[in-house]
Amino acid sequence: MNSTSEPPVESKEVSTIEAVWFTKAQIADRYQISMRSVTNLMRRRILPYVKIGRLLRFNPSDCDNAFTQFQRSSKFQ
């Protein structure tokens, strides 16, 4: 037995929230744009993505934020 008196270790719950990552095709479908448009937005560094090896993945909330710059307000408001 350990002779030193250590406080018991508290177990911390690990968050079970998992990030959802989309493919290029899913992003194109979600925003109803072509795959070429997704590629162009990536090249122009408008649409953020993560590249892991040959895989490309997109965080939907980051993409939503990126697309807000394209919103236009009505002049009749």
PDB file of N, CA and C in Angstrom:
ATOM      1  N   MET A   1       0.842  -1.179   0.000  1.00  0.00           N
ATOM      2  CA  MET A   1       0.000   0.000   0.000  1.00  0.00           C
ATOM      3  C   MET A   1       0.881   1.234   0.000  1.00  0.00           C
ATOM      4  N   ASN A   2       0.319   2.290  -0.504  1.00  0.00           N
ATOM      5  CA  ASN A   2       1.021   3.556  -0.563  1.00  0.00           C
ATOM      6  C   ASN A   2       0.930   4.208   0.809  1.00  0.00           C
ATOM      7  N   SER A   3       2.080   4.608   1.372  1.00  0.00           N
ATOM      8  CA  SER A   3       2.103   5.167   2.713  1.00  0.00           C
ATOM      9  C   SER A   3       1.648   6.623   2.741  1.00  0.00           C
ATOM     10  N   THR A   4       1.716   7.303   1.599  1.00  0.00           N
ATOM     11  CA  THR A   4       1.271   8.700   1.594  1.00  0.00           C
ATOM     12  C   THR A   4      -0.239   8.750   1.427  1.00  0.00           C
ATOM     13  N   SER A   5      -0.817   9.714   2.053  1.00  0.00           N
ATOM     14  CA  SER A   5      -2.262   9.859   1.995  1.00  0.00           C
ATOM     15  C   SER A   5      -2.622  10.799   0.852  1.00  0.00           C
ATOM     16  N   GLU A   6      -3.056  10.234  -0.263  1.00  0.00           N
ATOM     17  CA  GLU A   6      -3.437  11.030  -1.420  1.00  0.00           C
ATOM     18  C   GLU A   6      -4.961  11.086  -1.512  1.00  0.00           C
ATOM     19  N   PRO A   7      -5.465  12.232  -1.928  1.00  0.00           N
ATOM     20  CA  PRO A   7      -6.917  12.316  -2.071  1.00  0.00           C
ATOM     21  C   PRO A   7      -7.362  11.417  -3.217  1.00  0.00           C
ATOM     22  N   PRO A   8      -8.575  10.913  -3.121  1.00  0.00           N
ATOM     23  CA  PRO A   8      -9.060  10.057  -4.202  1.00  0.00           C
ATOM     24  C   PRO A   8      -9.140  10.844  -5.517  1.00  0.00           C
ATOM     25  N   VAL A   9      -8.861  10.162  -6.579  1.00  0.00           N
ATOM     26  CA  VAL A   9      -8.906  10.783  -7.900  1.00  0.00           C
ATOM     27  C   VAL A   9     -10.351  10.873  -8.350  1.00  0.00           C
ATOM     28  N   GLU A  10     -10.754  12.086  -8.700  1.00  0.00           N
ATOM     29  CA  GLU A  10     -12.120  12.279  -9.173  1.00  0.00           C
ATOM     30  C   GLU A  10     -12.168  11.958 -10.660  1.00  0.00           C
ATOM     31  N   SER A  11     -13.162  11.226 -11.040  1.00  0.00           N
ATOM     32  CA  SER A  11     -13.286  10.929 -12.464  1.00  0.00           C
ATOM     33  C   SER A  11     -14.016  12.082 -13.136  1.00  0.00           C
ATOM     34  N   LYS A  12     -13.421  12.584 -14.200  1.00  0.00           N
ATOM     35  CA  LYS A  12     -14.030  13.674 -14.944  1.00  0.00           C
ATOM     36  C   LYS A  12     -14.723  13.073 -16.154  1.00  0.00           C
ATOM     37  N   GLU A  13     -15.938  13.512 -16.367  1.00  0.00           N
ATOM     38  CA  GLU A  13     -16.672  13.012 -17.515  1.00  0.00           C
ATOM     39  C   GLU A  13     -16.132  13.658 -18.784  1.00  0.00           C
ATOM     40  N   VAL A  14     -15.924  12.849 -19.776  1.00  0.00           N
ATOM     41  CA  VAL A  14     -15.458  13.336 -21.058  1.00  0.00           C
ATOM     42  C   VAL A  14     -16.676  13.740 -21.877  1.00  0.00           C
ATOM     43  N   SER A  15     -16.587  14.896 -22.504  1.00  0.00           N
ATOM     44  CA  SER A  15     -17.695  15.368 -23.320  1.00  0.00           C
ATOM     45  C   SER A  15     -17.937  14.394 -24.469  1.00  0.00           C
ATOM     46  N   THR A  16     -19.184  14.071 -24.683  1.00  0.00           N
ATOM     47  CA  THR A  16     -19.518  13.122 -25.734  1.00  0.00           C
ATOM     48  C   THR A  16     -19.931  13.831 -27.022  1.00  0.00           C
ATOM     49  N   ILE A  17     -19.721  15.151 -27.061  1.00  0.00           N
ATOM     50  CA  ILE A  17     -20.065  15.893 -28.268  1.00  0.00           C
ATOM     51  C   ILE A  17     -19.003  15.607 -29.322  1.00  0.00           C
ATOM     52  N   GLU A  18     -19.454  15.100 -30.447  1.00  0.00           N
ATOM     53  CA  GLU A  18     -18.536  14.804 -31.526  1.00  0.00           C
ATOM     54  C   GLU A  18     -18.739  15.826 -32.635  1.00  0.00           C
ATOM     55  N   ALA A  19     -17.638  16.261 -33.200  1.00  0.00           N
ATOM     56  CA  ALA A  19     -17.726  17.202 -34.307  1.00  0.00           C
ATOM     57  C   ALA A  19     -18.193  16.470 -35.556  1.00  0.00           C
ATOM     58  N   VAL A  20     -19.062  17.112 -36.293  1.00  0.00           N
ATOM     59  CA  VAL A  20     -19.555  16.550 -37.541  1.00  0.00           C
ATOM     60  C   VAL A  20     -18.769  17.215 -38.665  1.00  0.00           C
ATOM     61  N   TRP A  21     -18.171  16.426 -39.510  1.00  0.00           N
ATOM     62  CA  TRP A  21     -17.386  16.923 -40.623  1.00  0.00           C
ATOM     63  C   TRP A  21     -18.036  16.474 -41.912  1.00  0.00           C
ATOM     64  N   PHE A  22     -18.160  17.398 -42.873  1.00  0.00           N
ATOM     65  CA  PHE A  22     -18.802  17.116 -44.144  1.00  0.00           C
ATOM     66  C   PHE A  22     -17.766  16.929 -45.241  1.00  0.00           C
ATOM     67  N   THR A  23     -18.151  16.185 -46.264  1.00  0.00           N
ATOM     68  CA  THR A  23     -17.327  16.030 -47.448  1.00  0.00           C
ATOM     69  C   THR A  23     -17.639  17.180 -48.413  1.00  0.00           C
ATOM     70  N   LYS A  24     -16.868  17.266 -49.479  1.00  0.00           N
ATOM     71  CA  LYS A  24     -17.098  18.309 -50.480  1.00  0.00           C
ATOM     72  C   LYS A  24     -18.481  18.143 -51.119  1.00  0.00           C
ATOM     73  N   ALA A  25     -18.864  16.912 -51.389  1.00  0.00           N
ATOM     74  CA  ALA A  25     -20.179  16.652 -51.991  1.00  0.00           C
ATOM     75  C   ALA A  25     -21.305  17.058 -51.040  1.00  0.00           C
ATOM     76  N   GLN A  26     -21.141  16.808 -49.760  1.00  0.00           N
ATOM     77  CA  GLN A  26     -22.164  17.186 -48.789  1.00  0.00           C
ATOM     78  C   GLN A  26     -22.289  18.704 -48.675  1.00  0.00           C
ATOM     79  N   ILE A  27     -21.167  19.409 -48.753  1.00  0.00           N
ATOM     80  CA  ILE A  27     -21.194  20.874 -48.709  1.00  0.00           C
ATOM     81  C   ILE A  27     -21.911  21.413 -49.951  1.00  0.00           C
ATOM     82  N   ALA A  28     -21.584  20.848 -51.115  1.00  0.00           N
ATOM     83  CA  ALA A  28     -22.234  21.277 -52.357  1.00  0.00           C
ATOM     84  C   ALA A  28     -23.739  21.046 -52.271  1.00  0.00           C
ATOM     85  N   ASP A  29     -24.138  19.915 -51.736  1.00  0.00           N
ATOM     86  CA  ASP A  29     -25.558  19.600 -51.604  1.00  0.00           C
ATOM     87  C   ASP A  29     -26.232  20.502 -50.571  1.00  0.00           C
ATOM     88  N   ARG A  30     -25.560  20.758 -49.467  1.00  0.00           N
ATOM     89  CA  ARG A  30     -26.130  21.573 -48.386  1.00  0.00           C
ATOM     90  C   ARG A  30     -26.437  22.994 -48.853  1.00  0.00           C
ATOM     91  N   TYR A  31     -25.533  23.583 -49.644  1.00  0.00           N
ATOM     92  CA  TYR A  31     -25.703  24.963 -50.084  1.00  0.00           C
ATOM     93  C   TYR A  31     -26.226  25.062 -51.518  1.00  0.00           C
ATOM     94  N   GLN A  32     -26.541  23.932 -52.104  1.00  0.00           N
ATOM     95  CA  GLN A  32     -27.101  23.857 -53.459  1.00  0.00           C
ATOM     96  C   GLN A  32     -26.209  24.581 -54.465  1.00  0.00           C
ATOM     97  N   ILE A  33     -24.920  24.255 -54.405  1.00  0.00           N
ATOM     98  CA  ILE A  33     -23.957  24.780 -55.357  1.00  0.00           C
ATOM     99  C   ILE A  33     -23.218  23.602 -55.974  1.00  0.00           C
ATOM    100  N   SER A  34     -22.487  23.853 -57.047  1.00  0.00           N
ATOM    101  CA  SER A  34     -21.771  22.772 -57.716  1.00  0.00           C
ATOM    102  C   SER A  34     -20.481  22.443 -56.967  1.00  0.00           C
ATOM    103  N   MET A  35     -19.958  21.274 -57.279  1.00  0.00           N
ATOM    104  CA  MET A  35     -18.674  20.857 -56.692  1.00  0.00           C
ATOM    105  C   MET A  35     -17.567  21.823 -57.139  1.00  0.00           C
ATOM    106  N   ARG A  36     -17.671  22.296 -58.379  1.00  0.00           N
ATOM    107  CA  ARG A  36     -16.682  23.247 -58.888  1.00  0.00           C
ATOM    108  C   ARG A  36     -16.718  24.548 -58.083  1.00  0.00           C
ATOM    109  N   SER A  37     -17.899  24.978 -57.700  1.00  0.00           N
ATOM    110  CA  SER A  37     -18.023  26.191 -56.882  1.00  0.00           C
ATOM    111  C   SER A  37     -17.375  25.988 -55.517  1.00  0.00           C
ATOM    112  N   VAL A  38     -17.552  24.815 -54.944  1.00  0.00           N
ATOM    113  CA  VAL A  38     -16.906  24.515 -53.663  1.00  0.00           C
ATOM    114  C   VAL A  38     -15.392  24.591 -53.835  1.00  0.00           C
ATOM    115  N   THR A  39     -14.874  23.992 -54.902  1.00  0.00           N
ATOM    116  CA  THR A  39     -13.439  24.020 -55.166  1.00  0.00           C
ATOM    117  C   THR A  39     -12.948  25.455 -55.346  1.00  0.00           C
ATOM    118  N   ASN A  40     -13.696  26.256 -56.095  1.00  0.00           N
ATOM    119  CA  ASN A  40     -13.306  27.658 -56.298  1.00  0.00           C
ATOM    120  C   ASN A  40     -13.290  28.440 -54.989  1.00  0.00           C
ATOM    121  N   LEU A  41     -14.274  28.201 -54.132  1.00  0.00           N
ATOM    122  CA  LEU A  41     -14.307  28.873 -52.829  1.00  0.00           C
ATOM    123  C   LEU A  41     -13.146  28.438 -51.952  1.00  0.00           C
ATOM    124  N   MET A  42     -12.744  27.185 -52.083  1.00  0.00           N
ATOM    125  CA  MET A  42     -11.577  26.697 -51.339  1.00  0.00           C
ATOM    126  C   MET A  42     -10.307  27.390 -51.843  1.00  0.00           C
ATOM    127  N   ARG A  43     -10.151  27.463 -53.155  1.00  0.00           N
ATOM    128  CA  ARG A  43      -8.957  28.085 -53.749  1.00  0.00           C
ATOM    129  C   ARG A  43      -8.849  29.557 -53.408  1.00  0.00           C
ATOM    130  N   ARG A  44     -10.008  30.226 -53.324  1.00  0.00           N
ATOM    131  CA  ARG A  44     -10.026  31.644 -52.971  1.00  0.00           C
ATOM    132  C   ARG A  44      -9.912  31.864 -51.463  1.00  0.00           C
ATOM    133  N   ARG A  45      -9.797  30.775 -50.710  1.00  0.00           N
ATOM    134  CA  ARG A  45      -9.661  30.786 -49.251  1.00  0.00           C
ATOM    135  C   ARG A  45     -10.856  31.431 -48.560  1.00  0.00           C
ATOM    136  N   ILE A  46     -12.013  31.227 -49.153  1.00  0.00           N
ATOM    137  CA  ILE A  46     -13.256  31.706 -48.545  1.00  0.00           C
ATOM    138  C   ILE A  46     -13.865  30.612 -47.685  1.00  0.00           C
ATOM    139  N   LEU A  47     -13.792  29.388 -48.166  1.00  0.00           N
ATOM    140  CA  LEU A  47     -14.388  28.250 -47.478  1.00  0.00           C
ATOM    141  C   LEU A  47     -13.299  27.485 -46.716  1.00  0.00           C
ATOM    142  N   PRO A  48     -13.348  27.496 -45.374  1.00  0.00           N
ATOM    143  CA  PRO A  48     -12.319  26.810 -44.598  1.00  0.00           C
ATOM    144  C   PRO A  48     -12.509  25.295 -44.642  1.00  0.00           C
ATOM    145  N   TYR A  49     -11.402  24.578 -44.674  1.00  0.00           N
ATOM    146  CA  TYR A  49     -11.452  23.115 -44.707  1.00  0.00           C
ATOM    147  C   TYR A  49     -10.235  22.541 -44.009  1.00  0.00           C
ATOM    148  N   VAL A  50     -10.298  21.263 -43.735  1.00  0.00           N
ATOM    149  CA  VAL A  50      -9.193  20.532 -43.125  1.00  0.00           C
ATOM    150  C   VAL A  50      -8.785  19.441 -44.099  1.00  0.00           C
ATOM    151  N   LYS A  51      -7.497  19.324 -44.319  1.00  0.00           N
ATOM    152  CA  LYS A  51      -7.000  18.279 -45.208  1.00  0.00           C
ATOM    153  C   LYS A  51      -6.192  17.302 -44.374  1.00  0.00           C
ATOM    154  N   ILE A  52      -6.613  16.049 -44.418  1.00  0.00           N
ATOM    155  CA  ILE A  52      -5.923  14.977 -43.699  1.00  0.00           C
ATOM    156  C   ILE A  52      -5.519  13.961 -44.754  1.00  0.00           C
ATOM    157  N   GLY A  53      -4.247  13.967 -45.098  1.00  0.00           N
ATOM    158  CA  GLY A  53      -3.806  13.120 -46.203  1.00  0.00           C
ATOM    159  C   GLY A  53      -4.464  13.600 -47.474  1.00  0.00           C
ATOM    160  N   ARG A  54      -5.230  12.727 -48.106  1.00  0.00           N
ATOM    161  CA  ARG A  54      -5.960  13.105 -49.317  1.00  0.00           C
ATOM    162  C   ARG A  54      -7.411  13.473 -49.033  1.00  0.00           C
ATOM    163  N   LEU A  55      -7.833  13.346 -47.792  1.00  0.00           N
ATOM    164  CA  LEU A  55      -9.225  13.628 -47.427  1.00  0.00           C
ATOM    165  C   LEU A  55      -9.432  15.104 -47.135  1.00  0.00           C
ATOM    166  N   LEU A  56     -10.516  15.647 -47.649  1.00  0.00           N
ATOM    167  CA  LEU A  56     -10.926  17.008 -47.334  1.00  0.00           C
ATOM    168  C   LEU A  56     -12.182  16.941 -46.489  1.00  0.00           C
ATOM    169  N   ARG A  57     -12.216  17.712 -45.426  1.00  0.00           N
ATOM    170  CA  ARG A  57     -13.393  17.748 -44.569  1.00  0.00           C
ATOM    171  C   ARG A  57     -13.699  19.190 -44.205  1.00  0.00           C
ATOM    172  N   PHE A  58     -15.007  19.470 -44.046  1.00  0.00           N
ATOM    173  CA  PHE A  58     -15.484  20.807 -43.766  1.00  0.00           C
ATOM    174  C   PHE A  58     -16.306  20.795 -42.491  1.00  0.00           C
ATOM    175  N   ASN A  59     -16.071  21.778 -41.632  1.00  0.00           N
ATOM    176  CA  ASN A  59     -16.887  21.962 -40.435  1.00  0.00           C
ATOM    177  C   ASN A  59     -18.086  22.806 -40.845  1.00  0.00           C
ATOM    178  N   PRO A  60     -19.302  22.278 -40.696  1.00  0.00           N
ATOM    179  CA  PRO A  60     -20.484  22.999 -41.170  1.00  0.00           C
ATOM    180  C   PRO A  60     -20.657  24.383 -40.544  1.00  0.00           C
ATOM    181  N   SER A  61     -20.341  24.539 -39.275  1.00  0.00           N
ATOM    182  CA  SER A  61     -20.524  25.855 -38.643  1.00  0.00           C
ATOM    183  C   SER A  61     -19.519  26.857 -39.208  1.00  0.00           C
ATOM    184  N   ASP A  62     -18.298  26.422 -39.525  1.00  0.00           N
ATOM    185  CA  ASP A  62     -17.326  27.312 -40.151  1.00  0.00           C
ATOM    186  C   ASP A  62     -17.788  27.718 -41.547  1.00  0.00           C
ATOM    187  N   CYS A  63     -18.387  26.781 -42.265  1.00  0.00           N
ATOM    188  CA  CYS A  63     -18.891  27.077 -43.606  1.00  0.00           C
ATOM    189  C   CYS A  63     -20.074  28.036 -43.538  1.00  0.00           C
ATOM    190  N   ASP A  64     -20.953  27.851 -42.548  1.00  0.00           N
ATOM    191  CA  ASP A  64     -22.075  28.773 -42.371  1.00  0.00           C
ATOM    192  C   ASP A  64     -21.556  30.195 -42.153  1.00  0.00           C
ATOM    193  N   ASN A  65     -20.534  30.320 -41.317  1.00  0.00           N
ATOM    194  CA  ASN A  65     -19.942  31.638 -41.057  1.00  0.00           C
ATOM    195  C   ASN A  65     -19.320  32.222 -42.323  1.00  0.00           C
ATOM    196  N   ALA A  66     -18.682  31.390 -43.123  1.00  0.00           N
ATOM    197  CA  ALA A  66     -18.056  31.865 -44.354  1.00  0.00           C
ATOM    198  C   ALA A  66     -19.094  32.346 -45.349  1.00  0.00           C
ATOM    199  N   PHE A  67     -20.245  31.687 -45.399  1.00  0.00           N
ATOM    200  CA  PHE A  67     -21.280  32.059 -46.361  1.00  0.00           C
ATOM    201  C   PHE A  67     -22.067  33.297 -45.945  1.00  0.00           C
ATOM    202  N   THR A  68     -21.922  33.750 -44.716  1.00  0.00           N
ATOM    203  CA  THR A  68     -22.636  34.957 -44.291  1.00  0.00           C
ATOM    204  C   THR A  68     -22.163  36.186 -45.053  1.00  0.00           C
ATOM    205  N   GLN A  69     -20.933  36.161 -45.563  1.00  0.00           N
ATOM    206  CA  GLN A  69     -20.441  37.318 -46.304  1.00  0.00           C
ATOM    207  C   GLN A  69     -21.157  37.508 -47.642  1.00  0.00           C
ATOM    208  N   PHE A  70     -21.882  36.488 -48.100  1.00  0.00           N
ATOM    209  CA  PHE A  70     -22.606  36.572 -49.358  1.00  0.00           C
ATOM    210  C   PHE A  70     -24.048  37.035 -49.182  1.00  0.00           C
ATOM    211  N   GLN A  71     -24.472  37.201 -47.940  1.00  0.00           N
ATOM    212  CA  GLN A  71     -25.850  37.631 -47.697  1.00  0.00           C
ATOM    213  C   GLN A  71     -26.013  39.092 -48.077  1.00  0.00           C
ATOM    214  N   ARG A  72     -27.086  39.377 -48.739  1.00  0.00           N
ATOM    215  CA  ARG A  72     -27.408  40.741 -49.148  1.00  0.00           C
ATOM    216  C   ARG A  72     -28.684  41.172 -48.436  1.00  0.00           C
ATOM    217  N   SER A  73     -28.684  42.399 -47.984  1.00  0.00           N
ATOM    218  CA  SER A  73     -29.900  42.905 -47.359  1.00  0.00           C
ATOM    219  C   SER A  73     -30.755  43.583 -48.428  1.00  0.00           C
ATOM    220  N   SER A  74     -32.029  43.557 -48.194  1.00  0.00           N
ATOM    221  CA  SER A  74     -32.961  44.172 -49.124  1.00  0.00           C
ATOM    222  C   SER A  74     -32.942  45.681 -48.943  1.00  0.00           C
ATOM    223  N   LYS A  75     -33.016  46.413 -50.035  1.00  0.00           N
ATOM    224  CA  LYS A  75     -33.029  47.864 -49.931  1.00  0.00           C
ATOM    225  C   LYS A  75     -34.404  48.387 -49.534  1.00  0.00           C
ATOM    226  N   PHE A  76     -35.384  47.498 -49.442  1.00  0.00           N
ATOM    227  CA  PHE A  76     -36.751  47.897 -49.083  1.00  0.00           C
ATOM    228  C   PHE A  76     -37.052  47.703 -47.608  1.00  0.00           C
ATOM    229  N   GLN A  77     -36.075  47.412 -46.814  1.00  0.00           N
ATOM    230  CA  GLN A  77     -36.318  47.184 -45.385  1.00  0.00           C
ATOM    231  C   GLN A  77     -36.421  48.477 -44.637  1.00  0.00           C
TER     232      GLN A  77
END
